[in-house]
C-alpha cells in the first residue's frame, strides 16, 4: 500500500523559557501576510493553537501552550496576539515526508479457533 506525500509547515519561535510552534497551511498566503496585515490569519493558519516543545527546538513532543506559559513569554494569552507575534518573529520551517510503501500484513492476522476462520 502506498501512502501519499505529506508536508508540514510551521513557524518556530525561540522564547526566553520555551520554544513555540504555530502550524501554517498556506505558505504563499502567509508570506503575503508578512507584508500585508489586512489578510486574515485564518486564511493561512492551520489551527488557532500555539504549541510548546519544552525546550526541544522545533522537534520533540508538541503540547498546547498554557495561558500561564503564554502570559510569561508574551505578556498575554490572547491567541490572535500571541500567534501574530510568533508569525512575525519566528522562523518558517517546511518539512516534506516522502511517499512510503508498506507491505500487506504478511502474518495474515485473524482469529482461527477450532480450525474455523473468524469464529470465536
N, C-alpha and C. Protein backbone atom coordinates (compact mmCIF):
# COMPACT_ATOMS: atom_id res chain seq x y z
N UNK A 1 0.85 -1.15 0.00
CA UNK A 1 0.00 0.00 0.00
C UNK A 1 0.91 1.24 0.00
N UNK A 2 0.60 2.17 -0.85
CA UNK A 2 1.41 3.38 -0.95
C UNK A 2 0.70 4.51 -0.22
N UNK A 3 1.42 5.16 0.65
CA UNK A 3 0.90 6.32 1.37
C UNK A 3 1.30 7.56 0.61
N UNK A 4 0.45 8.59 0.58
CA UNK A 4 0.73 9.80 -0.17
C UNK A 4 1.80 10.67 0.46
N UNK A 5 2.32 11.58 -0.32
CA UNK A 5 3.29 12.53 0.19
C UNK A 5 2.62 13.41 1.24
N UNK A 6 3.36 13.80 2.22
CA UNK A 6 2.83 14.69 3.25
C UNK A 6 3.86 15.77 3.51
N UNK A 7 3.37 16.94 3.80
CA UNK A 7 4.27 18.02 4.16
C UNK A 7 3.66 18.79 5.32
N UNK A 8 4.52 19.42 6.06
CA UNK A 8 4.05 20.24 7.17
C UNK A 8 4.88 21.52 7.17
N UNK A 9 4.23 22.60 7.49
CA UNK A 9 4.91 23.89 7.57
C UNK A 9 4.58 24.50 8.92
N UNK A 10 5.61 24.95 9.59
CA UNK A 10 5.41 25.54 10.91
C UNK A 10 6.31 26.75 11.05
N UNK A 11 5.93 27.61 11.98
CA UNK A 11 6.76 28.75 12.34
C UNK A 11 7.24 28.49 13.76
N UNK A 12 8.56 28.48 13.92
CA UNK A 12 9.19 28.20 15.20
C UNK A 12 9.68 29.50 15.81
N UNK A 13 9.34 29.71 17.07
CA UNK A 13 9.76 30.91 17.80
C UNK A 13 10.51 30.46 19.05
N UNK A 14 11.76 30.86 19.17
CA UNK A 14 12.55 30.51 20.35
C UNK A 14 12.36 31.60 21.39
N UNK A 15 11.65 31.26 22.45
CA UNK A 15 11.40 32.22 23.51
C UNK A 15 12.47 32.18 24.58
N UNK A 16 12.26 32.97 25.62
CA UNK A 16 13.22 33.01 26.73
C UNK A 16 13.21 31.72 27.53
N UNK A 17 12.02 31.15 27.73
CA UNK A 17 11.89 29.96 28.57
C UNK A 17 11.50 28.70 27.79
N UNK A 18 10.95 28.87 26.60
CA UNK A 18 10.45 27.71 25.86
C UNK A 18 10.47 28.00 24.37
N UNK A 19 10.20 26.96 23.58
CA UNK A 19 10.09 27.10 22.13
C UNK A 19 8.62 26.95 21.76
N UNK A 20 8.17 27.78 20.81
CA UNK A 20 6.76 27.83 20.44
C UNK A 20 6.61 27.53 18.96
N UNK A 21 5.52 26.85 18.62
CA UNK A 21 5.24 26.44 17.24
C UNK A 21 3.82 26.84 16.88
N UNK A 22 3.68 27.38 15.65
CA UNK A 22 2.36 27.61 15.05
C UNK A 22 2.40 26.95 13.67
N UNK A 23 1.37 26.18 13.34
CA UNK A 23 1.32 25.49 12.05
C UNK A 23 0.65 26.36 11.00
N UNK A 24 1.25 26.38 9.81
CA UNK A 24 0.77 27.18 8.68
C UNK A 24 0.32 26.22 7.59
N UNK A 25 -0.85 26.50 7.04
CA UNK A 25 -1.41 25.65 6.00
C UNK A 25 -1.09 26.16 4.60
N UNK A 26 -1.10 27.47 4.39
CA UNK A 26 -0.88 28.06 3.08
C UNK A 26 0.33 29.01 3.16
N UNK A 27 1.48 28.51 2.72
CA UNK A 27 2.74 29.26 2.84
C UNK A 27 2.72 30.53 2.00
N UNK A 28 2.20 30.45 0.79
CA UNK A 28 2.18 31.64 -0.08
C UNK A 28 1.37 32.77 0.54
N UNK A 29 0.21 32.45 1.08
CA UNK A 29 -0.62 33.47 1.72
C UNK A 29 0.07 34.00 2.97
N UNK A 30 0.73 33.12 3.72
CA UNK A 30 1.48 33.56 4.90
C UNK A 30 2.56 34.57 4.50
N UNK A 31 3.29 34.28 3.45
CA UNK A 31 4.35 35.19 3.01
C UNK A 31 3.78 36.54 2.56
N UNK A 32 2.60 36.52 1.94
CA UNK A 32 1.93 37.78 1.56
C UNK A 32 1.50 38.55 2.80
N UNK A 33 1.01 37.81 3.81
CA UNK A 33 0.56 38.43 5.06
C UNK A 33 1.69 39.18 5.76
N UNK A 34 2.92 38.67 5.66
CA UNK A 34 4.04 39.33 6.31
C UNK A 34 4.19 40.78 5.86
N UNK A 35 3.76 41.08 4.62
CA UNK A 35 3.83 42.45 4.08
C UNK A 35 2.47 43.14 4.04
N UNK A 36 1.40 42.37 4.20
CA UNK A 36 0.04 42.93 4.09
C UNK A 36 -0.83 42.35 5.21
N UNK A 37 -0.86 43.02 6.35
CA UNK A 37 -1.59 42.52 7.52
C UNK A 37 -3.11 42.58 7.37
N UNK A 38 -3.60 43.08 6.23
CA UNK A 38 -5.05 43.08 6.02
C UNK A 38 -5.56 41.68 5.67
N UNK A 39 -4.67 40.77 5.33
CA UNK A 39 -5.05 39.38 5.05
C UNK A 39 -5.35 38.70 6.38
N UNK A 40 -6.53 38.12 6.54
CA UNK A 40 -6.86 37.45 7.81
C UNK A 40 -5.96 36.23 8.04
N UNK A 41 -5.50 36.06 9.26
CA UNK A 41 -4.65 34.91 9.58
C UNK A 41 -5.39 33.59 9.37
N UNK A 42 -6.69 33.62 9.46
CA UNK A 42 -7.48 32.41 9.25
C UNK A 42 -7.32 31.85 7.84
N UNK A 43 -6.82 32.67 6.91
CA UNK A 43 -6.62 32.21 5.53
C UNK A 43 -5.38 31.34 5.37
N UNK A 44 -4.49 31.34 6.34
CA UNK A 44 -3.28 30.53 6.17
C UNK A 44 -2.87 29.72 7.41
N UNK A 45 -3.48 29.98 8.55
CA UNK A 45 -3.15 29.24 9.77
C UNK A 45 -3.85 27.88 9.73
N UNK A 46 -3.14 26.85 10.12
CA UNK A 46 -3.71 25.51 10.14
C UNK A 46 -4.71 25.35 11.29
N UNK A 47 -4.31 25.81 12.47
CA UNK A 47 -5.18 25.76 13.64
C UNK A 47 -4.80 26.91 14.57
N UNK A 48 -5.78 27.49 15.21
CA UNK A 48 -5.52 28.60 16.13
C UNK A 48 -5.07 28.04 17.47
N UNK A 49 -3.91 27.42 17.47
CA UNK A 49 -3.37 26.84 18.69
C UNK A 49 -1.87 27.03 18.68
N UNK A 50 -1.33 27.42 19.82
CA UNK A 50 0.11 27.58 19.98
C UNK A 50 0.62 26.36 20.73
N UNK A 51 1.68 25.78 20.20
CA UNK A 51 2.28 24.60 20.81
C UNK A 51 3.63 24.95 21.42
N UNK A 52 4.01 24.22 22.47
CA UNK A 52 5.33 24.35 23.07
C UNK A 52 6.05 23.03 22.91
N UNK A 53 7.38 23.10 22.86
CA UNK A 53 8.18 21.88 22.69
C UNK A 53 9.07 21.60 23.89
N UNK A 54 8.88 22.33 24.97
CA UNK A 54 9.63 22.11 26.21
C UNK A 54 11.14 22.14 25.97
N UNK A 55 11.57 23.22 25.34
CA UNK A 55 12.99 23.49 25.07
C UNK A 55 13.62 22.45 24.14
N UNK A 56 12.82 21.88 23.27
CA UNK A 56 13.33 20.90 22.31
C UNK A 56 13.45 21.49 20.91
N UNK A 57 13.50 22.80 20.80
CA UNK A 57 13.58 23.45 19.49
C UNK A 57 12.31 23.20 18.72
N UNK A 58 12.46 22.88 17.43
CA UNK A 58 11.27 22.59 16.62
C UNK A 58 10.98 21.10 16.58
N UNK A 59 11.67 20.35 17.40
CA UNK A 59 11.50 18.90 17.47
C UNK A 59 10.76 18.55 18.76
N UNK A 60 10.65 17.28 19.00
CA UNK A 60 10.09 16.81 20.26
C UNK A 60 8.58 16.79 20.27
N UNK A 61 8.05 16.59 21.44
CA UNK A 61 6.61 16.48 21.62
C UNK A 61 5.98 17.87 21.64
N UNK A 62 4.90 18.03 20.91
CA UNK A 62 4.18 19.30 20.88
C UNK A 62 3.02 19.23 21.86
N UNK A 63 3.00 20.16 22.78
CA UNK A 63 1.90 20.26 23.73
C UNK A 63 1.27 21.63 23.58
N UNK A 64 -0.01 21.72 23.84
CA UNK A 64 -0.67 23.01 23.81
C UNK A 64 -0.09 23.92 24.89
N UNK A 65 0.17 25.15 24.54
CA UNK A 65 0.75 26.10 25.50
C UNK A 65 -0.32 26.55 26.48
N UNK A 66 0.03 26.56 27.75
CA UNK A 66 -0.92 27.01 28.78
C UNK A 66 -0.99 28.53 28.77
N UNK A 67 -2.06 29.06 29.35
CA UNK A 67 -2.21 30.52 29.46
C UNK A 67 -1.05 31.12 30.24
N UNK A 68 -0.63 30.43 31.31
CA UNK A 68 0.47 30.95 32.13
C UNK A 68 1.77 31.02 31.33
N UNK A 69 2.04 29.99 30.53
CA UNK A 69 3.26 29.98 29.70
C UNK A 69 3.23 31.12 28.70
N UNK A 70 2.08 31.33 28.06
CA UNK A 70 1.96 32.41 27.07
C UNK A 70 2.06 33.78 27.75
N UNK A 71 1.41 33.93 28.91
CA UNK A 71 1.50 35.20 29.66
C UNK A 71 2.94 35.52 30.04
N UNK A 72 3.67 34.51 30.50
CA UNK A 72 5.07 34.73 30.91
C UNK A 72 5.95 35.14 29.74
N UNK A 73 5.71 34.56 28.57
CA UNK A 73 6.57 34.85 27.41
C UNK A 73 6.13 36.09 26.65
N UNK A 74 4.83 36.24 26.44
CA UNK A 74 4.33 37.29 25.54
C UNK A 74 3.56 38.41 26.25
N UNK A 75 3.31 38.25 27.54
CA UNK A 75 2.57 39.27 28.27
C UNK A 75 1.07 39.20 28.03
N UNK A 76 0.62 38.18 27.32
CA UNK A 76 -0.80 37.96 27.04
C UNK A 76 -0.99 36.49 26.68
N UNK A 77 -2.21 36.02 26.80
CA UNK A 77 -2.51 34.67 26.32
C UNK A 77 -3.61 34.71 25.25
N UNK A 78 -3.89 35.90 24.73
CA UNK A 78 -4.87 36.05 23.65
C UNK A 78 -4.30 35.43 22.38
N UNK A 79 -5.00 34.44 21.84
CA UNK A 79 -4.49 33.68 20.69
C UNK A 79 -4.04 34.56 19.54
N UNK A 80 -4.89 35.50 19.10
CA UNK A 80 -4.53 36.35 17.96
C UNK A 80 -3.23 37.11 18.18
N UNK A 81 -3.08 37.68 19.35
CA UNK A 81 -1.88 38.48 19.64
C UNK A 81 -0.63 37.61 19.70
N UNK A 82 -0.73 36.47 20.38
CA UNK A 82 0.42 35.58 20.52
C UNK A 82 0.81 35.00 19.17
N UNK A 83 -0.16 34.51 18.42
CA UNK A 83 0.13 33.92 17.10
C UNK A 83 0.76 34.96 16.19
N UNK A 84 0.25 36.16 16.21
CA UNK A 84 0.82 37.23 15.38
C UNK A 84 2.29 37.48 15.74
N UNK A 85 2.60 37.53 17.03
CA UNK A 85 4.00 37.73 17.46
C UNK A 85 4.89 36.59 17.00
N UNK A 86 4.40 35.37 17.11
CA UNK A 86 5.19 34.20 16.69
C UNK A 86 5.42 34.22 15.18
N UNK A 87 4.37 34.53 14.42
CA UNK A 87 4.49 34.57 12.96
C UNK A 87 5.46 35.66 12.50
N UNK A 88 5.44 36.79 13.17
CA UNK A 88 6.30 37.91 12.76
C UNK A 88 7.76 37.69 13.14
N UNK A 89 8.00 37.08 14.30
CA UNK A 89 9.37 36.96 14.80
C UNK A 89 9.97 35.56 14.65
N UNK A 90 9.16 34.58 14.30
CA UNK A 90 9.64 33.20 14.21
C UNK A 90 10.27 32.86 12.87
N UNK A 91 10.73 31.63 12.77
CA UNK A 91 11.36 31.13 11.54
C UNK A 91 10.46 30.12 10.87
N UNK A 92 10.19 30.33 9.58
CA UNK A 92 9.37 29.40 8.80
C UNK A 92 10.18 28.15 8.52
N UNK A 93 9.57 26.98 8.76
CA UNK A 93 10.23 25.70 8.52
C UNK A 93 9.27 24.78 7.80
N UNK A 94 9.71 24.32 6.64
CA UNK A 94 8.90 23.40 5.84
C UNK A 94 9.54 22.03 5.87
N UNK A 95 8.73 20.99 6.03
CA UNK A 95 9.21 19.61 6.06
C UNK A 95 8.41 18.79 5.08
N UNK A 96 9.11 17.96 4.32
CA UNK A 96 8.46 17.04 3.38
C UNK A 96 8.64 15.62 3.90
N UNK A 97 7.58 14.85 3.87
CA UNK A 97 7.65 13.44 4.21
C UNK A 97 7.41 12.68 2.92
N UNK A 98 8.42 11.96 2.41
CA UNK A 98 8.28 11.30 1.13
C UNK A 98 7.25 10.18 1.15
N UNK A 99 6.81 9.84 -0.04
CA UNK A 99 5.88 8.75 -0.20
C UNK A 99 6.52 7.49 0.35
N UNK A 100 5.73 6.66 0.98
CA UNK A 100 6.29 5.42 1.51
C UNK A 100 5.38 4.26 1.14
N UNK A 101 5.97 3.11 1.14
CA UNK A 101 5.22 1.92 0.76
C UNK A 101 5.26 0.92 1.90
N UNK A 102 4.12 0.38 2.24
CA UNK A 102 4.05 -0.64 3.29
C UNK A 102 3.60 -1.95 2.67
N UNK A 103 4.15 -3.04 3.18
CA UNK A 103 3.70 -4.33 2.69
C UNK A 103 2.37 -4.67 3.35
N UNK A 104 1.67 -5.58 2.74
CA UNK A 104 0.43 -6.03 3.37
C UNK A 104 0.80 -6.86 4.58
N UNK A 105 -0.14 -7.18 5.37
CA UNK A 105 0.12 -7.94 6.59
C UNK A 105 0.52 -9.36 6.22
N UNK A 106 1.81 -9.60 6.24
CA UNK A 106 2.33 -10.90 5.83
C UNK A 106 1.97 -12.01 6.80
N UNK A 107 1.68 -11.66 8.04
CA UNK A 107 1.36 -12.69 9.02
C UNK A 107 -0.09 -13.16 8.88
N UNK A 108 -0.85 -12.49 8.06
CA UNK A 108 -2.27 -12.83 7.83
C UNK A 108 -3.00 -12.98 9.15
N UNK A 109 -2.96 -11.88 9.90
CA UNK A 109 -3.63 -11.89 11.20
C UNK A 109 -5.10 -12.20 11.04
N UNK A 110 -5.63 -12.80 12.01
CA UNK A 110 -7.04 -13.14 12.04
C UNK A 110 -7.22 -14.16 13.12
N UNK A 111 -8.41 -14.40 13.46
CA UNK A 111 -8.62 -15.38 14.51
C UNK A 111 -9.05 -16.70 13.89
N UNK A 112 -8.28 -17.71 14.13
CA UNK A 112 -8.64 -19.06 13.71
C UNK A 112 -8.73 -19.88 14.98
N UNK A 113 -9.93 -20.24 15.29
CA UNK A 113 -10.18 -21.01 16.50
C UNK A 113 -10.90 -22.29 16.08
N UNK A 114 -10.43 -23.39 16.58
CA UNK A 114 -11.02 -24.69 16.24
C UNK A 114 -11.04 -24.93 14.74
N UNK A 115 -10.02 -24.41 14.03
CA UNK A 115 -9.94 -24.65 12.60
C UNK A 115 -10.91 -23.83 11.76
N UNK A 116 -11.68 -22.96 12.37
CA UNK A 116 -12.66 -22.17 11.65
C UNK A 116 -12.25 -20.69 11.65
N UNK A 117 -11.90 -20.12 10.49
CA UNK A 117 -11.51 -18.70 10.48
C UNK A 117 -12.69 -17.82 10.87
N UNK A 118 -12.37 -16.83 11.69
CA UNK A 118 -13.34 -15.80 12.01
C UNK A 118 -14.37 -16.19 13.04
N UNK A 119 -14.29 -17.38 13.61
CA UNK A 119 -15.26 -17.76 14.64
C UNK A 119 -14.62 -17.63 16.00
N UNK A 120 -15.41 -17.41 16.98
CA UNK A 120 -14.89 -17.26 18.35
C UNK A 120 -15.70 -18.08 19.29
